[in-house]
Amino acid sequence: MTRAAPIPLSWPRGRSPDLDPRVIRRALRSFLAGLGFARHGVSLLLADDAALAALNSRYRGRDTPTDILSWSYRDDPAPDAPRTAAGGAPRAAAPPLLGELAVSLERVRAQAAEHGWDAQTELLRLLAHGCAHLAGYDHQTRAADRVMRDLEIELLPGVGLGG
Protein backbone atom coordinates (compact mmCIF):
# COMPACT_ATOMS: atom_id res chain seq x y z
CA MET A 1 0.00 0.00 0.00
CA THR A 2 1.38 3.38 -1.03
CA ARG A 3 1.41 6.03 1.68
CA ALA A 4 -0.14 9.40 1.04
CA ALA A 5 2.14 12.37 0.54
CA PRO A 6 2.66 14.65 3.54
CA ILE A 7 0.56 17.72 4.27
CA PRO A 8 2.94 20.41 5.57
CA LEU A 9 1.35 23.32 7.45
CA SER A 10 3.09 26.66 7.84
CA TRP A 11 2.00 29.17 10.51
CA PRO A 12 4.36 32.17 10.12
CA ARG A 13 2.80 34.06 13.03
CA GLY A 14 2.52 31.01 15.30
CA ARG A 15 -0.20 28.40 15.64
CA SER A 16 -3.72 29.60 16.41
CA PRO A 17 -5.22 27.89 19.48
CA ASP A 18 -8.70 27.78 17.89
CA LEU A 19 -7.48 25.82 14.85
CA ASP A 20 -6.48 22.18 15.28
CA PRO A 21 -3.74 21.04 12.88
CA ARG A 22 -4.91 17.41 13.15
CA VAL A 23 -8.42 18.40 12.06
CA ILE A 24 -6.98 20.49 9.23
CA ARG A 25 -4.82 17.62 7.94
CA ARG A 26 -7.68 15.10 8.20
CA ALA A 27 -9.96 17.47 6.30
CA LEU A 28 -7.40 18.02 3.55
CA ARG A 29 -6.91 14.24 3.22
CA SER A 30 -10.69 13.77 3.02
CA PHE A 31 -11.06 16.47 0.37
CA LEU A 32 -8.17 15.13 -1.70
CA ALA A 33 -9.57 11.59 -1.53
CA GLY A 34 -13.02 12.86 -2.53
CA LEU A 35 -11.45 14.50 -5.56
CA GLY A 36 -9.57 11.37 -6.62
CA PHE A 37 -6.17 12.38 -5.22
CA ALA A 38 -5.96 10.25 -2.08
CA ARG A 39 -2.21 9.61 -2.44
CA HIS A 40 -1.35 13.28 -2.85
CA GLY A 41 -0.59 15.97 -0.36
CA VAL A 42 -0.96 19.71 -0.32
CA SER A 43 1.13 22.42 1.30
CA LEU A 44 -0.83 24.91 3.40
CA LEU A 45 0.24 28.40 4.47
CA LEU A 46 -1.91 29.97 7.20
CA ALA A 47 -1.03 33.67 7.19
CA ASP A 48 -2.54 37.15 7.57
CA ASP A 49 -4.19 39.63 5.20
CA ALA A 50 -0.87 41.36 4.45
CA ALA A 51 0.75 38.12 3.30
CA LEU A 52 -2.26 37.15 1.17
CA ALA A 53 -2.44 40.65 -0.32
CA ALA A 54 1.24 40.40 -1.31
CA LEU A 55 0.71 36.96 -2.87
CA ASN A 56 -2.49 38.10 -4.59
CA SER A 57 -0.66 41.10 -6.05
CA ARG A 58 2.33 39.07 -7.18
CA TYR A 59 0.47 36.14 -8.75
CA ARG A 60 -2.90 37.59 -9.75
CA GLY A 61 -2.20 41.30 -10.17
CA ARG A 62 -4.82 42.19 -7.54
CA ASP A 63 -3.61 44.54 -4.83
CA THR A 64 -5.99 43.34 -2.13
CA PRO A 65 -6.16 40.56 0.43
CA THR A 66 -8.22 37.47 -0.34
CA ASP A 67 -9.35 34.52 1.73
CA ILE A 68 -7.59 31.72 -0.17
CA LEU A 69 -5.15 31.29 -3.04
CA SER A 70 -4.16 28.07 -4.76
CA TRP A 71 -1.34 26.89 -7.00
CA SER A 72 -1.80 23.53 -8.68
CA TYR A 73 1.17 21.37 -9.64
CA ARG A 74 -0.92 19.33 -12.08
CA ASP A 75 -0.04 19.38 -15.76
CA ASP A 76 -3.69 19.12 -16.84
CA PRO A 77 -5.81 21.48 -14.72
CA ALA A 78 -9.09 20.81 -16.57
CA PRO A 79 -11.55 18.53 -14.74
CA ASP A 80 -12.91 17.01 -17.95
CA ALA A 81 -12.99 13.39 -16.83
CA PRO A 82 -14.52 11.51 -13.93
CA ARG A 83 -12.77 12.19 -10.63
CA THR A 84 -11.37 8.68 -10.57
CA ALA A 85 -10.32 6.32 -13.29
CA ALA A 86 -11.12 2.61 -13.39
CA GLY A 87 -10.04 0.93 -10.19
CA GLY A 88 -10.20 4.17 -8.21
CA ALA A 89 -6.84 5.50 -9.41
CA PRO A 90 -6.44 9.28 -9.68
CA ARG A 91 -7.71 10.42 -13.06
CA ALA A 92 -4.50 12.17 -14.12
CA ALA A 93 -0.87 11.75 -13.29
CA ALA A 94 0.12 14.26 -10.65
CA PRO A 95 3.13 14.79 -8.43
CA PRO A 96 2.94 13.66 -4.78
CA LEU A 97 2.14 17.24 -3.79
CA LEU A 98 -0.97 18.34 -5.68
CA GLY A 99 -0.27 21.99 -5.01
CA GLU A 100 -0.16 24.80 -2.49
CA LEU A 101 -2.87 26.70 -0.64
CA ALA A 102 -2.49 30.00 1.21
CA VAL A 103 -5.22 31.18 3.58
CA SER A 104 -5.69 34.49 5.38
CA LEU A 105 -6.65 33.74 8.98
CA GLU A 106 -7.95 37.31 9.26
CA ARG A 107 -10.39 36.61 6.42
CA VAL A 108 -11.27 33.24 7.98
CA ARG A 109 -12.25 34.90 11.25
CA ALA A 110 -14.14 37.78 9.61
CA GLN A 111 -16.09 35.46 7.30
CA ALA A 112 -16.82 33.04 10.16
CA ALA A 113 -18.31 35.93 12.16
CA GLU A 114 -20.40 37.00 9.14
CA HIS A 115 -21.78 33.48 8.74
CA GLY A 116 -22.24 32.84 12.46
CA TRP A 117 -19.92 29.86 12.83
CA ASP A 118 -16.45 29.23 14.23
CA ALA A 119 -13.11 29.81 12.51
CA GLN A 120 -12.40 26.08 12.15
CA THR A 121 -15.65 25.62 10.18
CA GLU A 122 -14.86 28.54 7.89
CA LEU A 123 -11.31 27.31 7.36
CA LEU A 124 -12.55 23.83 6.37
CA ARG A 125 -15.07 25.37 3.97
CA LEU A 126 -12.28 27.38 2.33
CA LEU A 127 -9.99 24.35 2.18
CA ALA A 128 -12.66 22.38 0.30
CA HIS A 129 -12.82 25.29 -2.15
CA GLY A 130 -9.03 25.43 -2.48
CA CYS A 131 -8.70 21.67 -3.01
CA ALA A 132 -11.32 21.86 -5.76
CA HIS A 133 -9.14 24.50 -7.45
CA LEU A 134 -6.09 22.24 -7.11
CA ALA A 135 -8.05 19.43 -8.76
CA GLY A 136 -8.77 21.71 -11.72
CA TYR A 137 -12.15 23.24 -10.96
CA ASP A 138 -12.81 26.97 -11.22
CA HIS A 139 -15.64 29.48 -11.01
CA GLN A 140 -14.95 31.62 -14.08
CA THR A 141 -18.47 31.11 -15.48
CA ARG A 142 -21.85 30.66 -13.81
CA ALA A 143 -21.98 27.03 -14.90
CA ALA A 144 -18.46 26.32 -13.61
CA ASP A 145 -19.27 28.13 -10.36
CA ARG A 146 -22.35 25.95 -9.85
CA VAL A 147 -20.34 22.77 -10.50
CA MET A 148 -17.65 23.89 -8.06
CA ARG A 149 -20.13 24.87 -5.33
CA ASP A 150 -21.98 21.55 -5.71
CA LEU A 151 -18.65 19.74 -5.41
CA GLU A 152 -17.74 21.65 -2.25
CA ILE A 153 -21.15 20.79 -0.77
CA GLU A 154 -20.48 17.14 -1.64
CA LEU A 155 -17.06 17.20 0.08
CA LEU A 156 -18.06 18.90 3.35
CA PRO A 157 -20.08 16.07 4.96
CA GLY A 158 -16.89 13.96 4.85
CA VAL A 159 -15.51 16.26 7.57
CA GLY A 160 -18.74 16.58 9.54
CA LEU A 161 -20.04 19.79 7.94
CA GLY A 162 -23.23 20.40 5.99
CA GLY A 163 -25.64 17.67 5.04
C-alpha atoms as a PDB file:
ATOM      1  CA  MET A   1       0.000   0.000   0.000  1.00  0.00           C
ATOM      2  CA  THR A   2       1.377   3.380  -1.027  1.00  0.00           C
ATOM      3  CA  ARG A   3       1.406   6.030   1.676  1.00  0.00           C
ATOM      4  CA  ALA A   4      -0.145   9.398   1.041  1.00  0.00           C
ATOM      5  CA  ALA A   5       2.141  12.373   0.540  1.00  0.00           C
ATOM      6  CA  PRO A   6       2.656  14.645   3.545  1.00  0.00           C
ATOM      7  CA  ILE A   7       0.565  17.721   4.273  1.00  0.00           C
ATOM      8  CA  PRO A   8       2.935  20.406   5.574  1.00  0.00           C
ATOM      9  CA  LEU A   9       1.347  23.317   7.446  1.00  0.00           C
ATOM     10  CA  SER A  10       3.086  26.662   7.839  1.00  0.00           C
ATOM     11  CA  TRP A  11       1.998  29.167  10.508  1.00  0.00           C
ATOM     12  CA  PRO A  12       4.358  32.167  10.117  1.00  0.00           C
ATOM     13  CA  ARG A  13       2.800  34.059  13.033  1.00  0.00           C
ATOM     14  CA  GLY A  14       2.520  31.007  15.304  1.00  0.00           C
ATOM     15  CA  ARG A  15      -0.197  28.403  15.645  1.00  0.00           C
ATOM     16  CA  SER A  16      -3.724  29.600  16.413  1.00  0.00           C
ATOM     17  CA  PRO A  17      -5.223  27.890  19.476  1.00  0.00           C
ATOM     18  CA  ASP A  18      -8.704  27.781  17.891  1.00  0.00           C
ATOM     19  CA  LEU A  19      -7.484  25.821  14.846  1.00  0.00           C
ATOM     20  CA  ASP A  20      -6.483  22.182  15.282  1.00  0.00           C
ATOM     21  CA  PRO A  21      -3.738  21.038  12.880  1.00  0.00           C
ATOM     22  CA  ARG A  22      -4.911  17.408  13.150  1.00  0.00           C
ATOM     23  CA  VAL A  23      -8.423  18.398  12.060  1.00  0.00           C
ATOM     24  CA  ILE A  24      -6.978  20.490   9.228  1.00  0.00           C
ATOM     25  CA  ARG A  25      -4.816  17.623   7.940  1.00  0.00           C
ATOM     26  CA  ARG A  26      -7.684  15.099   8.203  1.00  0.00           C
ATOM     27  CA  ALA A  27      -9.965  17.471   6.303  1.00  0.00           C
ATOM     28  CA  LEU A  28      -7.404  18.019   3.555  1.00  0.00           C
ATOM     29  CA  ARG A  29      -6.915  14.241   3.222  1.00  0.00           C
ATOM     30  CA  SER A  30     -10.685  13.775   3.018  1.00  0.00           C
ATOM     31  CA  PHE A  31     -11.065  16.474   0.365  1.00  0.00           C
ATOM     32  CA  LEU A  32      -8.168  15.129  -1.701  1.00  0.00           C
ATOM     33  CA  ALA A  33      -9.575  11.592  -1.529  1.00  0.00           C
ATOM     34  CA  GLY A  34     -13.017  12.858  -2.527  1.00  0.00           C
ATOM     35  CA  LEU A  35     -11.450  14.503  -5.560  1.00  0.00           C
ATOM     36  CA  GLY A  36      -9.567  11.368  -6.622  1.00  0.00           C
ATOM     37  CA  PHE A  37      -6.167  12.375  -5.222  1.00  0.00           C
ATOM     38  CA  ALA A  38      -5.959  10.245  -2.075  1.00  0.00           C
ATOM     39  CA  ARG A  39      -2.211   9.613  -2.440  1.00  0.00           C
ATOM     40  CA  HIS A  40      -1.347  13.276  -2.848  1.00  0.00           C
ATOM     41  CA  GLY A  41      -0.585  15.968  -0.365  1.00  0.00           C
ATOM     42  CA  VAL A  42      -0.956  19.712  -0.320  1.00  0.00           C
ATOM     43  CA  SER A  43       1.133  22.425   1.297  1.00  0.00           C
ATOM     44  CA  LEU A  44      -0.829  24.912   3.401  1.00  0.00           C
ATOM     45  CA  LEU A  45       0.242  28.404   4.472  1.00  0.00           C
ATOM     46  CA  LEU A  46      -1.907  29.975   7.201  1.00  0.00           C
ATOM     47  CA  ALA A  47      -1.032  33.673   7.185  1.00  0.00           C
ATOM     48  CA  ASP A  48      -2.542  37.150   7.569  1.00  0.00           C
ATOM     49  CA  ASP A  49      -4.188  39.633   5.204  1.00  0.00           C
ATOM     50  CA  ALA A  50      -0.872  41.364   4.451  1.00  0.00           C
ATOM     51  CA  ALA A  51       0.749  38.122   3.297  1.00  0.00           C
ATOM     52  CA  LEU A  52      -2.263  37.152   1.167  1.00  0.00           C
ATOM     53  CA  ALA A  53      -2.438  40.655  -0.319  1.00  0.00           C
ATOM     54  CA  ALA A  54       1.238  40.402  -1.309  1.00  0.00           C
ATOM     55  CA  LEU A  55       0.710  36.960  -2.874  1.00  0.00           C
ATOM     56  CA  ASN A  56      -2.490  38.097  -4.594  1.00  0.00           C
ATOM     57  CA  SER A  57      -0.657  41.100  -6.050  1.00  0.00           C
ATOM     58  CA  ARG A  58       2.335  39.066  -7.180  1.00  0.00           C
ATOM     59  CA  TYR A  59       0.472  36.143  -8.750  1.00  0.00           C
ATOM     60  CA  ARG A  60      -2.900  37.586  -9.753  1.00  0.00           C
ATOM     61  CA  GLY A  61      -2.200  41.301 -10.167  1.00  0.00           C
ATOM     62  CA  ARG A  62      -4.815  42.188  -7.536  1.00  0.00           C
ATOM     63  CA  ASP A  63      -3.614  44.541  -4.832  1.00  0.00           C
ATOM     64  CA  THR A  64      -5.991  43.336  -2.129  1.00  0.00           C
ATOM     65  CA  PRO A  65      -6.163  40.563   0.435  1.00  0.00           C
ATOM     66  CA  THR A  66      -8.217  37.475  -0.342  1.00  0.00           C
ATOM     67  CA  ASP A  67      -9.353  34.523   1.726  1.00  0.00           C
ATOM     68  CA  ILE A  68      -7.590  31.716  -0.166  1.00  0.00           C
ATOM     69  CA  LEU A  69      -5.146  31.290  -3.038  1.00  0.00           C
ATOM     70  CA  SER A  70      -4.161  28.067  -4.761  1.00  0.00           C
ATOM     71  CA  TRP A  71      -1.337  26.890  -7.002  1.00  0.00           C
ATOM     72  CA  SER A  72      -1.798  23.529  -8.683  1.00  0.00           C
ATOM     73  CA  TYR A  73       1.173  21.371  -9.639  1.00  0.00           C
ATOM     74  CA  ARG A  74      -0.922  19.328 -12.082  1.00  0.00           C
ATOM     75  CA  ASP A  75      -0.036  19.380 -15.765  1.00  0.00           C
ATOM     76  CA  ASP A  76      -3.695  19.119 -16.842  1.00  0.00           C
ATOM     77  CA  PRO A  77      -5.811  21.480 -14.724  1.00  0.00           C
ATOM     78  CA  ALA A  78      -9.088  20.811 -16.572  1.00  0.00           C
ATOM     79  CA  PRO A  79     -11.549  18.530 -14.736  1.00  0.00           C
ATOM     80  CA  ASP A  80     -12.908  17.014 -17.952  1.00  0.00           C
ATOM     81  CA  ALA A  81     -12.985  13.387 -16.831  1.00  0.00           C
ATOM     82  CA  PRO A  82     -14.521  11.510 -13.928  1.00  0.00           C
ATOM     83  CA  ARG A  83     -12.774  12.190 -10.630  1.00  0.00           C
ATOM     84  CA  THR A  84     -11.371   8.678 -10.568  1.00  0.00           C
ATOM     85  CA  ALA A  85     -10.318   6.318 -13.292  1.00  0.00           C
ATOM     86  CA  ALA A  86     -11.124   2.611 -13.391  1.00  0.00           C
ATOM     87  CA  GLY A  87     -10.040   0.930 -10.185  1.00  0.00           C
ATOM     88  CA  GLY A  88     -10.197   4.173  -8.207  1.00  0.00           C
ATOM     89  CA  ALA A  89      -6.842   5.501  -9.405  1.00  0.00           C
ATOM     90  CA  PRO A  90      -6.436   9.277  -9.679  1.00  0.00           C
ATOM     91  CA  ARG A  91      -7.713  10.418 -13.062  1.00  0.00           C
ATOM     92  CA  ALA A  92      -4.503  12.173 -14.117  1.00  0.00           C
ATOM     93  CA  ALA A  93      -0.866  11.749 -13.292  1.00  0.00           C
ATOM     94  CA  ALA A  94       0.115  14.255 -10.649  1.00  0.00           C
ATOM     95  CA  PRO A  95       3.132  14.788  -8.433  1.00  0.00           C
ATOM     96  CA  PRO A  96       2.936  13.657  -4.782  1.00  0.00           C
ATOM     97  CA  LEU A  97       2.138  17.238  -3.789  1.00  0.00           C
ATOM     98  CA  LEU A  98      -0.974  18.336  -5.684  1.00  0.00           C
ATOM     99  CA  GLY A  99      -0.266  21.993  -5.015  1.00  0.00           C
ATOM    100  CA  GLU A 100      -0.161  24.798  -2.490  1.00  0.00           C
ATOM    101  CA  LEU A 101      -2.866  26.698  -0.637  1.00  0.00           C
ATOM    102  CA  ALA A 102      -2.487  29.995   1.210  1.00  0.00           C
ATOM    103  CA  VAL A 103      -5.218  31.180   3.583  1.00  0.00           C
ATOM    104  CA  SER A 104      -5.695  34.486   5.381  1.00  0.00           C
ATOM    105  CA  LEU A 105      -6.647  33.738   8.978  1.00  0.00           C
ATOM    106  CA  GLU A 106      -7.949  37.310   9.263  1.00  0.00           C
ATOM    107  CA  ARG A 107     -10.394  36.612   6.415  1.00  0.00           C
ATOM    108  CA  VAL A 108     -11.266  33.242   7.982  1.00  0.00           C
ATOM    109  CA  ARG A 109     -12.252  34.904  11.253  1.00  0.00           C
ATOM    110  CA  ALA A 110     -14.142  37.784   9.608  1.00  0.00           C
ATOM    111  CA  GLN A 111     -16.090  35.456   7.298  1.00  0.00           C
ATOM    112  CA  ALA A 112     -16.819  33.045  10.159  1.00  0.00           C
ATOM    113  CA  ALA A 113     -18.306  35.925  12.159  1.00  0.00           C
ATOM    114  CA  GLU A 114     -20.399  37.004   9.140  1.00  0.00           C
ATOM    115  CA  HIS A 115     -21.783  33.475   8.744  1.00  0.00           C
ATOM    116  CA  GLY A 116     -22.236  32.844  12.461  1.00  0.00           C
ATOM    117  CA  TRP A 117     -19.918  29.863  12.832  1.00  0.00           C
ATOM    118  CA  ASP A 118     -16.448  29.229  14.230  1.00  0.00           C
ATOM    119  CA  ALA A 119     -13.114  29.814  12.515  1.00  0.00           C
ATOM    120  CA  GLN A 120     -12.397  26.075  12.150  1.00  0.00           C
ATOM    121  CA  THR A 121     -15.646  25.615  10.180  1.00  0.00           C
ATOM    122  CA  GLU A 122     -14.857  28.537   7.889  1.00  0.00           C
ATOM    123  CA  LEU A 123     -11.310  27.307   7.358  1.00  0.00           C
ATOM    124  CA  LEU A 124     -12.552  23.831   6.370  1.00  0.00           C
ATOM    125  CA  ARG A 125     -15.068  25.374   3.972  1.00  0.00           C
ATOM    126  CA  LEU A 126     -12.281  27.380   2.332  1.00  0.00           C
ATOM    127  CA  LEU A 127      -9.988  24.347   2.176  1.00  0.00           C
ATOM    128  CA  ALA A 128     -12.664  22.377   0.299  1.00  0.00           C
ATOM    129  CA  HIS A 129     -12.817  25.289  -2.148  1.00  0.00           C
ATOM    130  CA  GLY A 130      -9.033  25.426  -2.479  1.00  0.00           C
ATOM    131  CA  CYS A 131      -8.698  21.674  -3.009  1.00  0.00           C
ATOM    132  CA  ALA A 132     -11.322  21.861  -5.757  1.00  0.00           C
ATOM    133  CA  HIS A 133      -9.141  24.498  -7.446  1.00  0.00           C
ATOM    134  CA  LEU A 134      -6.086  22.241  -7.106  1.00  0.00           C
ATOM    135  CA  ALA A 135      -8.048  19.431  -8.761  1.00  0.00           C
ATOM    136  CA  GLY A 136      -8.768  21.713 -11.724  1.00  0.00           C
ATOM    137  CA  TYR A 137     -12.155  23.237 -10.958  1.00  0.00           C
ATOM    138  CA  ASP A 138     -12.813  26.972 -11.215  1.00  0.00           C
ATOM    139  CA  HIS A 139     -15.642  29.479 -11.013  1.00  0.00           C
ATOM    140  CA  GLN A 140     -14.950  31.618 -14.083  1.00  0.00           C
ATOM    141  CA  THR A 141     -18.470  31.107 -15.477  1.00  0.00           C
ATOM    142  CA  ARG A 142     -21.847  30.656 -13.807  1.00  0.00           C
ATOM    143  CA  ALA A 143     -21.982  27.028 -14.904  1.00  0.00           C
ATOM    144  CA  ALA A 144     -18.461  26.320 -13.615  1.00  0.00           C
ATOM    145  CA  ASP A 145     -19.269  28.135 -10.365  1.00  0.00           C
ATOM    146  CA  ARG A 146     -22.349  25.947  -9.848  1.00  0.00           C
ATOM    147  CA  VAL A 147     -20.343  22.772 -10.496  1.00  0.00           C
ATOM    148  CA  MET A 148     -17.649  23.890  -8.062  1.00  0.00           C
ATOM    149  CA  ARG A 149     -20.127  24.866  -5.334  1.00  0.00           C
ATOM    150  CA  ASP A 150     -21.975  21.552  -5.709  1.00  0.00           C
ATOM    151  CA  LEU A 151     -18.648  19.739  -5.410  1.00  0.00           C
ATOM    152  CA  GLU A 152     -17.743  21.655  -2.248  1.00  0.00           C
ATOM    153  CA  ILE A 153     -21.154  20.789  -0.772  1.00  0.00           C
ATOM    154  CA  GLU A 154     -20.475  17.143  -1.644  1.00  0.00           C
ATOM    155  CA  LEU A 155     -17.060  17.203   0.082  1.00  0.00           C
ATOM    156  CA  LEU A 156     -18.057  18.902   3.355  1.00  0.00           C
ATOM    157  CA  PRO A 157     -20.079  16.067   4.959  1.00  0.00           C
ATOM    158  CA  GLY A 158     -16.892  13.961   4.854  1.00  0.00           C
ATOM    159  CA  VAL A 159     -15.510  16.260   7.569  1.00  0.00           C
ATOM    160  CA  GLY A 160     -18.735  16.579   9.543  1.00  0.00           C
ATOM    161  CA  LEU A 161     -20.037  19.789   7.945  1.00  0.00           C
ATOM    162  CA  GLY A 162     -23.232  20.396   5.989  1.00  0.00           C
ATOM    163  CA  GLY A 163     -25.635  17.673   5.039  1.00  0.00           C
END
